[in-house]
mmCIF file of all heavy atoms, coordinates in Angstrom:
data_MODEL
# 
_entry.id   MODEL 
# 
loop_
_atom_site.group_PDB 
_atom_site.id 
_atom_site.type_symbol 
_atom_site.label_atom_id 
_atom_site.label_alt_id 
_atom_site.label_comp_id 
_atom_site.label_asym_id 
_atom_site.label_entity_id 
_atom_site.label_seq_id 
_atom_site.pdbx_PDB_ins_code 
_atom_site.Cartn_x 
_atom_site.Cartn_y 
_atom_site.Cartn_z 
_atom_site.occupancy 
_atom_site.B_iso_or_equiv 
_atom_site.pdbx_formal_charge 
_atom_site.auth_seq_id 
_atom_site.auth_comp_id 
_atom_site.auth_asym_id 
_atom_site.auth_atom_id 
_atom_site.pdbx_PDB_model_num 
ATOM 1   N N   . HIS A 1 1  ? -18.359 -22.976 -21.395 1.00 0.00 ? 1  HIS A N   1 
ATOM 2   C CA  . HIS A 1 1  ? -17.849 -22.258 -20.240 1.00 0.00 ? 1  HIS A CA  1 
ATOM 3   C C   . HIS A 1 1  ? -17.833 -23.203 -19.037 1.00 0.00 ? 1  HIS A C   1 
ATOM 4   O O   . HIS A 1 1  ? -18.556 -24.213 -19.023 1.00 0.00 ? 1  HIS A O   1 
ATOM 5   C CB  . HIS A 1 1  ? -18.754 -21.050 -19.921 1.00 0.00 ? 1  HIS A CB  1 
ATOM 6   C CG  . HIS A 1 1  ? -20.156 -21.448 -19.563 1.00 0.00 ? 1  HIS A CG  1 
ATOM 7   N ND1 . HIS A 1 1  ? -21.123 -21.701 -20.527 1.00 0.00 ? 1  HIS A ND1 1 
ATOM 8   C CD2 . HIS A 1 1  ? -20.755 -21.658 -18.357 1.00 0.00 ? 1  HIS A CD2 1 
ATOM 9   C CE1 . HIS A 1 1  ? -22.246 -22.032 -19.931 1.00 0.00 ? 1  HIS A CE1 1 
ATOM 10  N NE2 . HIS A 1 1  ? -22.064 -22.013 -18.619 1.00 0.00 ? 1  HIS A NE2 1 
ATOM 11  N N   . PRO A 1 2  ? -16.989 -22.916 -18.045 1.00 0.00 ? 2  PRO A N   1 
ATOM 12  C CA  . PRO A 1 2  ? -16.975 -23.747 -16.837 1.00 0.00 ? 2  PRO A CA  1 
ATOM 13  C C   . PRO A 1 2  ? -18.225 -23.515 -16.003 1.00 0.00 ? 2  PRO A C   1 
ATOM 14  O O   . PRO A 1 2  ? -18.804 -22.422 -16.031 1.00 0.00 ? 2  PRO A O   1 
ATOM 15  C CB  . PRO A 1 2  ? -15.730 -23.306 -16.106 1.00 0.00 ? 2  PRO A CB  1 
ATOM 16  C CG  . PRO A 1 2  ? -15.506 -21.899 -16.553 1.00 0.00 ? 2  PRO A CG  1 
ATOM 17  C CD  . PRO A 1 2  ? -15.973 -21.837 -17.983 1.00 0.00 ? 2  PRO A CD  1 
ATOM 18  N N   . VAL A 1 3  ? -18.633 -24.529 -15.263 1.00 0.00 ? 3  VAL A N   1 
ATOM 19  C CA  . VAL A 1 3  ? -19.768 -24.362 -14.363 1.00 0.00 ? 3  VAL A CA  1 
ATOM 20  C C   . VAL A 1 3  ? -19.341 -24.111 -12.929 1.00 0.00 ? 3  VAL A C   1 
ATOM 21  O O   . VAL A 1 3  ? -20.132 -23.627 -12.124 1.00 0.00 ? 3  VAL A O   1 
ATOM 22  C CB  . VAL A 1 3  ? -20.724 -25.598 -14.401 1.00 0.00 ? 3  VAL A CB  1 
ATOM 23  C CG1 . VAL A 1 3  ? -21.421 -25.683 -15.737 1.00 0.00 ? 3  VAL A CG1 1 
ATOM 24  C CG2 . VAL A 1 3  ? -19.976 -26.880 -14.095 1.00 0.00 ? 3  VAL A CG2 1 
ATOM 25  N N   . VAL A 1 4  ? -18.115 -24.435 -12.601 1.00 0.00 ? 4  VAL A N   1 
ATOM 26  C CA  . VAL A 1 4  ? -17.592 -24.191 -11.255 1.00 0.00 ? 4  VAL A CA  1 
ATOM 27  C C   . VAL A 1 4  ? -16.774 -22.904 -11.306 1.00 0.00 ? 4  VAL A C   1 
ATOM 28  O O   . VAL A 1 4  ? -15.791 -22.805 -12.051 1.00 0.00 ? 4  VAL A O   1 
ATOM 29  C CB  . VAL A 1 4  ? -16.706 -25.358 -10.758 1.00 0.00 ? 4  VAL A CB  1 
ATOM 30  C CG1 . VAL A 1 4  ? -16.216 -25.095 -9.346  1.00 0.00 ? 4  VAL A CG1 1 
ATOM 31  C CG2 . VAL A 1 4  ? -17.474 -26.672 -10.828 1.00 0.00 ? 4  VAL A CG2 1 
ATOM 32  N N   . SER A 1 5  ? -17.190 -21.924 -10.520 1.00 0.00 ? 5  SER A N   1 
ATOM 33  C CA  . SER A 1 5  ? -16.543 -20.606 -10.625 1.00 0.00 ? 5  SER A CA  1 
ATOM 34  C C   . SER A 1 5  ? -16.789 -19.775 -9.388  1.00 0.00 ? 5  SER A C   1 
ATOM 35  O O   . SER A 1 5  ? -17.724 -19.998 -8.625  1.00 0.00 ? 5  SER A O   1 
ATOM 36  C CB  . SER A 1 5  ? -17.084 -19.868 -11.857 1.00 0.00 ? 5  SER A CB  1 
ATOM 37  O OG  . SER A 1 5  ? -16.537 -18.568 -11.962 1.00 0.00 ? 5  SER A OG  1 
ATOM 38  N N   . PHE A 1 6  ? -15.900 -18.782 -9.211  1.00 0.00 ? 6  PHE A N   1 
ATOM 39  C CA  . PHE A 1 6  ? -16.181 -17.710 -8.267  1.00 0.00 ? 6  PHE A CA  1 
ATOM 40  C C   . PHE A 1 6  ? -17.198 -16.762 -8.896  1.00 0.00 ? 6  PHE A C   1 
ATOM 41  O O   . PHE A 1 6  ? -17.365 -16.728 -10.125 1.00 0.00 ? 6  PHE A O   1 
ATOM 42  C CB  . PHE A 1 6  ? -14.910 -16.896 -7.978  1.00 0.00 ? 6  PHE A CB  1 
ATOM 43  C CG  . PHE A 1 6  ? -13.849 -17.638 -7.203  1.00 0.00 ? 6  PHE A CG  1 
ATOM 44  C CD1 . PHE A 1 6  ? -12.634 -17.982 -7.815  1.00 0.00 ? 6  PHE A CD1 1 
ATOM 45  C CD2 . PHE A 1 6  ? -14.040 -17.955 -5.864  1.00 0.00 ? 6  PHE A CD2 1 
ATOM 46  C CE1 . PHE A 1 6  ? -11.660 -18.641 -7.103  1.00 0.00 ? 6  PHE A CE1 1 
ATOM 47  C CE2 . PHE A 1 6  ? -13.056 -18.616 -5.146  1.00 0.00 ? 6  PHE A CE2 1 
ATOM 48  C CZ  . PHE A 1 6  ? -11.855 -18.973 -5.771  1.00 0.00 ? 6  PHE A CZ  1 
ATOM 49  N N   . SER A 1 7  ? -17.857 -15.987 -8.064  1.00 0.00 ? 7  SER A N   1 
ATOM 50  C CA  . SER A 1 7  ? -18.741 -14.946 -8.559  1.00 0.00 ? 7  SER A CA  1 
ATOM 51  C C   . SER A 1 7  ? -17.891 -13.815 -9.150  1.00 0.00 ? 7  SER A C   1 
ATOM 52  O O   . SER A 1 7  ? -16.692 -13.714 -8.902  1.00 0.00 ? 7  SER A O   1 
ATOM 53  C CB  . SER A 1 7  ? -19.593 -14.396 -7.418  1.00 0.00 ? 7  SER A CB  1 
ATOM 54  O OG  . SER A 1 7  ? -18.780 -13.703 -6.474  1.00 0.00 ? 7  SER A OG  1 
ATOM 55  N N   . GLU A 1 8  ? -18.529 -12.965 -9.938  1.00 0.00 ? 8  GLU A N   1 
ATOM 56  C CA  . GLU A 1 8  ? -17.813 -11.860 -10.584 1.00 0.00 ? 8  GLU A CA  1 
ATOM 57  C C   . GLU A 1 8  ? -17.211 -10.922 -9.519  1.00 0.00 ? 8  GLU A C   1 
ATOM 58  O O   . GLU A 1 8  ? -16.076 -10.464 -9.665  1.00 0.00 ? 8  GLU A O   1 
ATOM 59  C CB  . GLU A 1 8  ? -18.751 -11.092 -11.501 1.00 0.00 ? 8  GLU A CB  1 
ATOM 60  C CG  . GLU A 1 8  ? -18.047 -10.053 -12.361 1.00 0.00 ? 8  GLU A CG  1 
ATOM 61  C CD  . GLU A 1 8  ? -17.008 -10.648 -13.293 1.00 0.00 ? 8  GLU A CD  1 
ATOM 62  O OE1 . GLU A 1 8  ? -17.241 -11.758 -13.804 1.00 0.00 ? 8  GLU A OE1 1 
ATOM 63  O OE2 . GLU A 1 8  ? -15.955 -9.998  -13.498 1.00 0.00 ? 8  GLU A OE2 1 
ATOM 64  N N   . SER A 1 9  ? -17.973 -10.649 -8.467  1.00 0.00 ? 9  SER A N   1 
ATOM 65  C CA  . SER A 1 9  ? -17.461 -9.759  -7.426  1.00 0.00 ? 9  SER A CA  1 
ATOM 66  C C   . SER A 1 9  ? -16.263 -10.363 -6.704  1.00 0.00 ? 9  SER A C   1 
ATOM 67  O O   . SER A 1 9  ? -15.293 -9.670  -6.378  1.00 0.00 ? 9  SER A O   1 
ATOM 68  C CB  . SER A 1 9  ? -18.572 -9.424  -6.431  1.00 0.00 ? 9  SER A CB  1 
ATOM 69  O OG  . SER A 1 9  ? -19.021 -10.593 -5.774  1.00 0.00 ? 9  SER A OG  1 
ATOM 70  N N   . MET A 1 10 ? -16.286 -11.673 -6.462  1.00 0.00 ? 10 MET A N   1 
ATOM 71  C CA  . MET A 1 10 ? -15.162 -12.340 -5.835  1.00 0.00 ? 10 MET A CA  1 
ATOM 72  C C   . MET A 1 10 ? -13.953 -12.340 -6.752  1.00 0.00 ? 10 MET A C   1 
ATOM 73  O O   . MET A 1 10 ? -12.809 -12.125 -6.279  1.00 0.00 ? 10 MET A O   1 
ATOM 74  C CB  . MET A 1 10 ? -15.523 -13.774 -5.457  1.00 0.00 ? 10 MET A CB  1 
ATOM 75  C CG  . MET A 1 10 ? -14.403 -14.553 -4.763  1.00 0.00 ? 10 MET A CG  1 
ATOM 76  S SD  . MET A 1 10 ? -13.884 -13.872 -3.161  1.00 0.00 ? 10 MET A SD  1 
ATOM 77  C CE  . MET A 1 10 ? -15.255 -14.404 -2.113  1.00 0.00 ? 10 MET A CE  1 
ATOM 78  N N   . LEU A 1 11 ? -14.144 -12.524 -8.034  1.00 0.00 ? 11 LEU A N   1 
ATOM 79  C CA  . LEU A 1 11 ? -13.042 -12.515 -8.983  1.00 0.00 ? 11 LEU A CA  1 
ATOM 80  C C   . LEU A 1 11 ? -12.346 -11.155 -8.987  1.00 0.00 ? 11 LEU A C   1 
ATOM 81  O O   . LEU A 1 11 ? -11.115 -11.072 -9.065  1.00 0.00 ? 11 LEU A O   1 
ATOM 82  C CB  . LEU A 1 11 ? -13.528 -12.858 -10.396 1.00 0.00 ? 11 LEU A CB  1 
ATOM 83  C CG  . LEU A 1 11 ? -13.864 -14.328 -10.642 1.00 0.00 ? 11 LEU A CG  1 
ATOM 84  C CD1 . LEU A 1 11 ? -14.549 -14.477 -11.999 1.00 0.00 ? 11 LEU A CD1 1 
ATOM 85  C CD2 . LEU A 1 11 ? -12.604 -15.190 -10.596 1.00 0.00 ? 11 LEU A CD2 1 
ATOM 86  N N   . VAL A 1 12 ? -13.136 -10.084 -8.892  1.00 0.00 ? 12 VAL A N   1 
ATOM 87  C CA  . VAL A 1 12 ? -12.550 -8.738  -8.871  1.00 0.00 ? 12 VAL A CA  1 
ATOM 88  C C   . VAL A 1 12 ? -11.691 -8.552  -7.619  1.00 0.00 ? 12 VAL A C   1 
ATOM 89  O O   . VAL A 1 12 ? -10.570 -8.028  -7.683  1.00 0.00 ? 12 VAL A O   1 
ATOM 90  C CB  . VAL A 1 12 ? -13.650 -7.663  -8.925  1.00 0.00 ? 12 VAL A CB  1 
ATOM 91  C CG1 . VAL A 1 12 ? -13.087 -6.281  -8.655  1.00 0.00 ? 12 VAL A CG1 1 
ATOM 92  C CG2 . VAL A 1 12 ? -14.351 -7.704  -10.272 1.00 0.00 ? 12 VAL A CG2 1 
ATOM 93  N N   . GLN A 1 13 ? -12.197 -9.006  -6.493  1.00 0.00 ? 13 GLN A N   1 
ATOM 94  C CA  . GLN A 1 13 ? -11.439 -8.863  -5.234  1.00 0.00 ? 13 GLN A CA  1 
ATOM 95  C C   . GLN A 1 13 ? -10.190 -9.731  -5.230  1.00 0.00 ? 13 GLN A C   1 
ATOM 96  O O   . GLN A 1 13 ? -9.125  -9.307  -4.788  1.00 0.00 ? 13 GLN A O   1 
ATOM 97  C CB  . GLN A 1 13 ? -12.347 -9.228  -4.050  1.00 0.00 ? 13 GLN A CB  1 
ATOM 98  C CG  . GLN A 1 13 ? -13.520 -8.269  -3.873  1.00 0.00 ? 13 GLN A CG  1 
ATOM 99  C CD  . GLN A 1 13 ? -14.458 -8.695  -2.749  1.00 0.00 ? 13 GLN A CD  1 
ATOM 100 O OE1 . GLN A 1 13 ? -14.326 -8.262  -1.614  1.00 0.00 ? 13 GLN A OE1 1 
ATOM 101 N NE2 . GLN A 1 13 ? -15.413 -9.552  -3.069  1.00 0.00 ? 13 GLN A NE2 1 
ATOM 102 N N   . LEU A 1 14 ? -10.305 -10.966 -5.761  1.00 0.00 ? 14 LEU A N   1 
ATOM 103 C CA  . LEU A 1 14 ? -9.148  -11.843 -5.804  1.00 0.00 ? 14 LEU A CA  1 
ATOM 104 C C   . LEU A 1 14 ? -8.085  -11.331 -6.755  1.00 0.00 ? 14 LEU A C   1 
ATOM 105 O O   . LEU A 1 14 ? -6.886  -11.535 -6.538  1.00 0.00 ? 14 LEU A O   1 
ATOM 106 C CB  . LEU A 1 14 ? -9.575  -13.259 -6.219  1.00 0.00 ? 14 LEU A CB  1 
ATOM 107 C CG  . LEU A 1 14 ? -10.359 -14.043 -5.153  1.00 0.00 ? 14 LEU A CG  1 
ATOM 108 C CD1 . LEU A 1 14 ? -10.748 -15.401 -5.702  1.00 0.00 ? 14 LEU A CD1 1 
ATOM 109 C CD2 . LEU A 1 14 ? -9.520  -14.207 -3.897  1.00 0.00 ? 14 LEU A CD2 1 
ATOM 110 N N   . SER A 1 15 ? -8.509  -10.662 -7.811  1.00 0.00 ? 15 SER A N   1 
ATOM 111 C CA  . SER A 1 15 ? -7.537  -10.069 -8.724  1.00 0.00 ? 15 SER A CA  1 
ATOM 112 C C   . SER A 1 15 ? -6.680  -9.034  -8.020  1.00 0.00 ? 15 SER A C   1 
ATOM 113 O O   . SER A 1 15 ? -5.458  -8.971  -8.225  1.00 0.00 ? 15 SER A O   1 
ATOM 114 C CB  . SER A 1 15 ? -8.269  -9.414  -9.910  1.00 0.00 ? 15 SER A CB  1 
ATOM 115 O OG  . SER A 1 15 ? -7.357  -8.840  -10.826 1.00 0.00 ? 15 SER A OG  1 
ATOM 116 N N   . ALA A 1 16 ? -7.282  -8.241  -7.161  1.00 0.00 ? 16 ALA A N   1 
ATOM 117 C CA  . ALA A 1 16 ? -6.527  -7.248  -6.392  1.00 0.00 ? 16 ALA A CA  1 
ATOM 118 C C   . ALA A 1 16 ? -5.574  -7.936  -5.406  1.00 0.00 ? 16 ALA A C   1 
ATOM 119 O O   . ALA A 1 16 ? -4.445  -7.494  -5.205  1.00 0.00 ? 16 ALA A O   1 
ATOM 120 C CB  . ALA A 1 16 ? -7.489  -6.326  -5.652  1.00 0.00 ? 16 ALA A CB  1 
ATOM 121 N N   . VAL A 1 17 ? -6.034  -9.033  -4.821  1.00 0.00 ? 17 VAL A N   1 
ATOM 122 C CA  . VAL A 1 17 ? -5.189  -9.777  -3.878  1.00 0.00 ? 17 VAL A CA  1 
ATOM 123 C C   . VAL A 1 17 ? -3.969  -10.350 -4.614  1.00 0.00 ? 17 VAL A C   1 
ATOM 124 O O   . VAL A 1 17 ? -2.842  -10.282 -4.112  1.00 0.00 ? 17 VAL A O   1 
ATOM 125 C CB  . VAL A 1 17 ? -5.991  -10.907 -3.191  1.00 0.00 ? 17 VAL A CB  1 
ATOM 126 C CG1 . VAL A 1 17 ? -5.058  -11.819 -2.383  1.00 0.00 ? 17 VAL A CG1 1 
ATOM 127 C CG2 . VAL A 1 17 ? -7.075  -10.328 -2.303  1.00 0.00 ? 17 VAL A CG2 1 
ATOM 128 N N   . ARG A 1 18 ? -4.196  -10.923 -5.796  1.00 0.00 ? 18 ARG A N   1 
ATOM 129 C CA  . ARG A 1 18 ? -3.085  -11.518 -6.561  1.00 0.00 ? 18 ARG A CA  1 
ATOM 130 C C   . ARG A 1 18 ? -2.081  -10.440 -6.982  1.00 0.00 ? 18 ARG A C   1 
ATOM 131 O O   . ARG A 1 18 ? -0.865  -10.688 -6.965  1.00 0.00 ? 18 ARG A O   1 
ATOM 132 C CB  . ARG A 1 18 ? -3.623  -12.252 -7.775  1.00 0.00 ? 18 ARG A CB  1 
ATOM 133 C CG  . ARG A 1 18 ? -4.428  -13.516 -7.416  1.00 0.00 ? 18 ARG A CG  1 
ATOM 134 C CD  . ARG A 1 18 ? -4.835  -14.269 -8.661  1.00 0.00 ? 18 ARG A CD  1 
ATOM 135 N NE  . ARG A 1 18 ? -5.674  -15.416 -8.327  1.00 0.00 ? 18 ARG A NE  1 
ATOM 136 C CZ  . ARG A 1 18 ? -6.956  -15.522 -8.671  1.00 0.00 ? 18 ARG A CZ  1 
ATOM 137 N NH1 . ARG A 1 18 ? -7.535  -14.548 -9.372  1.00 0.00 ? 18 ARG A NH1 1 
ATOM 138 N NH2 . ARG A 1 18 ? -7.649  -16.595 -8.352  1.00 0.00 ? 18 ARG A NH2 1 
ATOM 139 N N   . ARG A 1 19 ? -2.563  -9.278  -7.374  1.00 0.00 ? 19 ARG A N   1 
ATOM 140 C CA  . ARG A 1 19 ? -1.651  -8.198  -7.736  1.00 0.00 ? 19 ARG A CA  1 
ATOM 141 C C   . ARG A 1 19 ? -0.795  -7.789  -6.544  1.00 0.00 ? 19 ARG A C   1 
ATOM 142 O O   . ARG A 1 19 ? 0.403   -7.538  -6.686  1.00 0.00 ? 19 ARG A O   1 
ATOM 143 C CB  . ARG A 1 19 ? -2.437  -6.992  -8.282  1.00 0.00 ? 19 ARG A CB  1 
ATOM 144 C CG  . ARG A 1 19 ? -3.041  -7.211  -9.666  1.00 0.00 ? 19 ARG A CG  1 
ATOM 145 C CD  . ARG A 1 19 ? -3.469  -5.890  -10.281 1.00 0.00 ? 19 ARG A CD  1 
ATOM 146 N NE  . ARG A 1 19 ? -4.456  -5.181  -9.480  1.00 0.00 ? 19 ARG A NE  1 
ATOM 147 C CZ  . ARG A 1 19 ? -5.769  -5.341  -9.586  1.00 0.00 ? 19 ARG A CZ  1 
ATOM 148 N NH1 . ARG A 1 19 ? -6.272  -6.227  -10.480 1.00 0.00 ? 19 ARG A NH1 1 
ATOM 149 N NH2 . ARG A 1 19 ? -6.603  -4.654  -8.829  1.00 0.00 ? 19 ARG A NH2 1 
ATOM 150 N N   . PHE A 1 20 ? -1.419  -7.738  -5.392  1.00 0.00 ? 20 PHE A N   1 
ATOM 151 C CA  . PHE A 1 20 ? -0.680  -7.387  -4.168  1.00 0.00 ? 20 PHE A CA  1 
ATOM 152 C C   . PHE A 1 20 ? 0.371   -8.449  -3.857  1.00 0.00 ? 20 PHE A C   1 
ATOM 153 O O   . PHE A 1 20 ? 1.518   -8.110  -3.543  1.00 0.00 ? 20 PHE A O   1 
ATOM 154 C CB  . PHE A 1 20 ? -1.666  -7.272  -3.001  1.00 0.00 ? 20 PHE A CB  1 
ATOM 155 C CG  . PHE A 1 20 ? -1.007  -7.164  -1.653  1.00 0.00 ? 20 PHE A CG  1 
ATOM 156 C CD1 . PHE A 1 20 ? -0.553  -5.936  -1.181  1.00 0.00 ? 20 PHE A CD1 1 
ATOM 157 C CD2 . PHE A 1 20 ? -0.843  -8.281  -0.849  1.00 0.00 ? 20 PHE A CD2 1 
ATOM 158 C CE1 . PHE A 1 20 ? 0.075   -5.848  0.048   1.00 0.00 ? 20 PHE A CE1 1 
ATOM 159 C CE2 . PHE A 1 20 ? -0.222  -8.207  0.375   1.00 0.00 ? 20 PHE A CE2 1 
ATOM 160 C CZ  . PHE A 1 20 ? 0.232   -6.987  0.830   1.00 0.00 ? 20 PHE A CZ  1 
ATOM 161 N N   . LEU A 1 21 ? -0.004  -9.721  -3.929  1.00 0.00 ? 21 LEU A N   1 
ATOM 162 C CA  . LEU A 1 21 ? 0.943   -10.787 -3.627  1.00 0.00 ? 21 LEU A CA  1 
ATOM 163 C C   . LEU A 1 21 ? 2.100   -10.779 -4.617  1.00 0.00 ? 21 LEU A C   1 
ATOM 164 O O   . LEU A 1 21 ? 3.249   -10.986 -4.246  1.00 0.00 ? 21 LEU A O   1 
ATOM 165 C CB  . LEU A 1 21 ? 0.232   -12.149 -3.673  1.00 0.00 ? 21 LEU A CB  1 
ATOM 166 C CG  . LEU A 1 21 ? -0.692  -12.449 -2.492  1.00 0.00 ? 21 LEU A CG  1 
ATOM 167 C CD1 . LEU A 1 21 ? -1.461  -13.745 -2.750  1.00 0.00 ? 21 LEU A CD1 1 
ATOM 168 C CD2 . LEU A 1 21 ? 0.097   -12.561 -1.195  1.00 0.00 ? 21 LEU A CD2 1 
ATOM 169 N N   . TYR A 1 22 ? 1.804   -10.524 -5.883  1.00 0.00 ? 22 TYR A N   1 
ATOM 170 C CA  . TYR A 1 22 ? 2.852   -10.510 -6.890  1.00 0.00 ? 22 TYR A CA  1 
ATOM 171 C C   . TYR A 1 22 ? 3.866   -9.397  -6.597  1.00 0.00 ? 22 TYR A C   1 
ATOM 172 O O   . TYR A 1 22 ? 5.076   -9.614  -6.618  1.00 0.00 ? 22 TYR A O   1 
ATOM 173 C CB  . TYR A 1 22 ? 2.237   -10.311 -8.269  1.00 0.00 ? 22 TYR A CB  1 
ATOM 174 C CG  . TYR A 1 22 ? 3.256   -10.373 -9.383  1.00 0.00 ? 22 TYR A CG  1 
ATOM 175 C CD1 . TYR A 1 22 ? 3.713   -11.614 -9.857  1.00 0.00 ? 22 TYR A CD1 1 
ATOM 176 C CD2 . TYR A 1 22 ? 3.738   -9.223  -9.992  1.00 0.00 ? 22 TYR A CD2 1 
ATOM 177 C CE1 . TYR A 1 22 ? 4.659   -11.700 -10.874 1.00 0.00 ? 22 TYR A CE1 1 
ATOM 178 C CE2 . TYR A 1 22 ? 4.700   -9.281  -11.011 1.00 0.00 ? 22 TYR A CE2 1 
ATOM 179 C CZ  . TYR A 1 22 ? 5.142   -10.528 -11.451 1.00 0.00 ? 22 TYR A CZ  1 
ATOM 180 O OH  . TYR A 1 22 ? 6.070   -10.595 -12.451 1.00 0.00 ? 22 TYR A OH  1 
ATOM 181 N N   . ALA A 1 23 ? 3.345   -8.219  -6.306  1.00 0.00 ? 23 ALA A N   1 
ATOM 182 C CA  . ALA A 1 23 ? 4.222   -7.078  -6.102  1.00 0.00 ? 23 ALA A CA  1 
ATOM 183 C C   . ALA A 1 23 ? 4.962   -7.134  -4.778  1.00 0.00 ? 23 ALA A C   1 
ATOM 184 O O   . ALA A 1 23 ? 6.138   -6.733  -4.696  1.00 0.00 ? 23 ALA A O   1 
ATOM 185 C CB  . ALA A 1 23 ? 3.391   -5.781  -6.180  1.00 0.00 ? 23 ALA A CB  1 
ATOM 186 N N   . ASN A 1 24 ? 4.307   -7.621  -3.740  1.00 0.00 ? 24 ASN A N   1 
ATOM 187 C CA  . ASN A 1 24 ? 4.881   -7.522  -2.397  1.00 0.00 ? 24 ASN A CA  1 
ATOM 188 C C   . ASN A 1 24 ? 5.508   -8.815  -1.858  1.00 0.00 ? 24 ASN A C   1 
ATOM 189 O O   . ASN A 1 24 ? 6.263   -8.764  -0.884  1.00 0.00 ? 24 ASN A O   1 
ATOM 190 C CB  . ASN A 1 24 ? 3.803   -7.069  -1.407  1.00 0.00 ? 24 ASN A CB  1 
ATOM 191 C CG  . ASN A 1 24 ? 3.326   -5.658  -1.694  1.00 0.00 ? 24 ASN A CG  1 
ATOM 192 O OD1 . ASN A 1 24 ? 3.950   -4.680  -1.296  1.00 0.00 ? 24 ASN A OD1 1 
ATOM 193 N ND2 . ASN A 1 24 ? 2.220   -5.559  -2.427  1.00 0.00 ? 24 ASN A ND2 1 
# 
């Protein structure tokens, strides 16, 4: 597994941001 990563909570929030950017 990678050692450099966002936290799980940040990944969840960024996923919502990416979905918004994709759609809008």
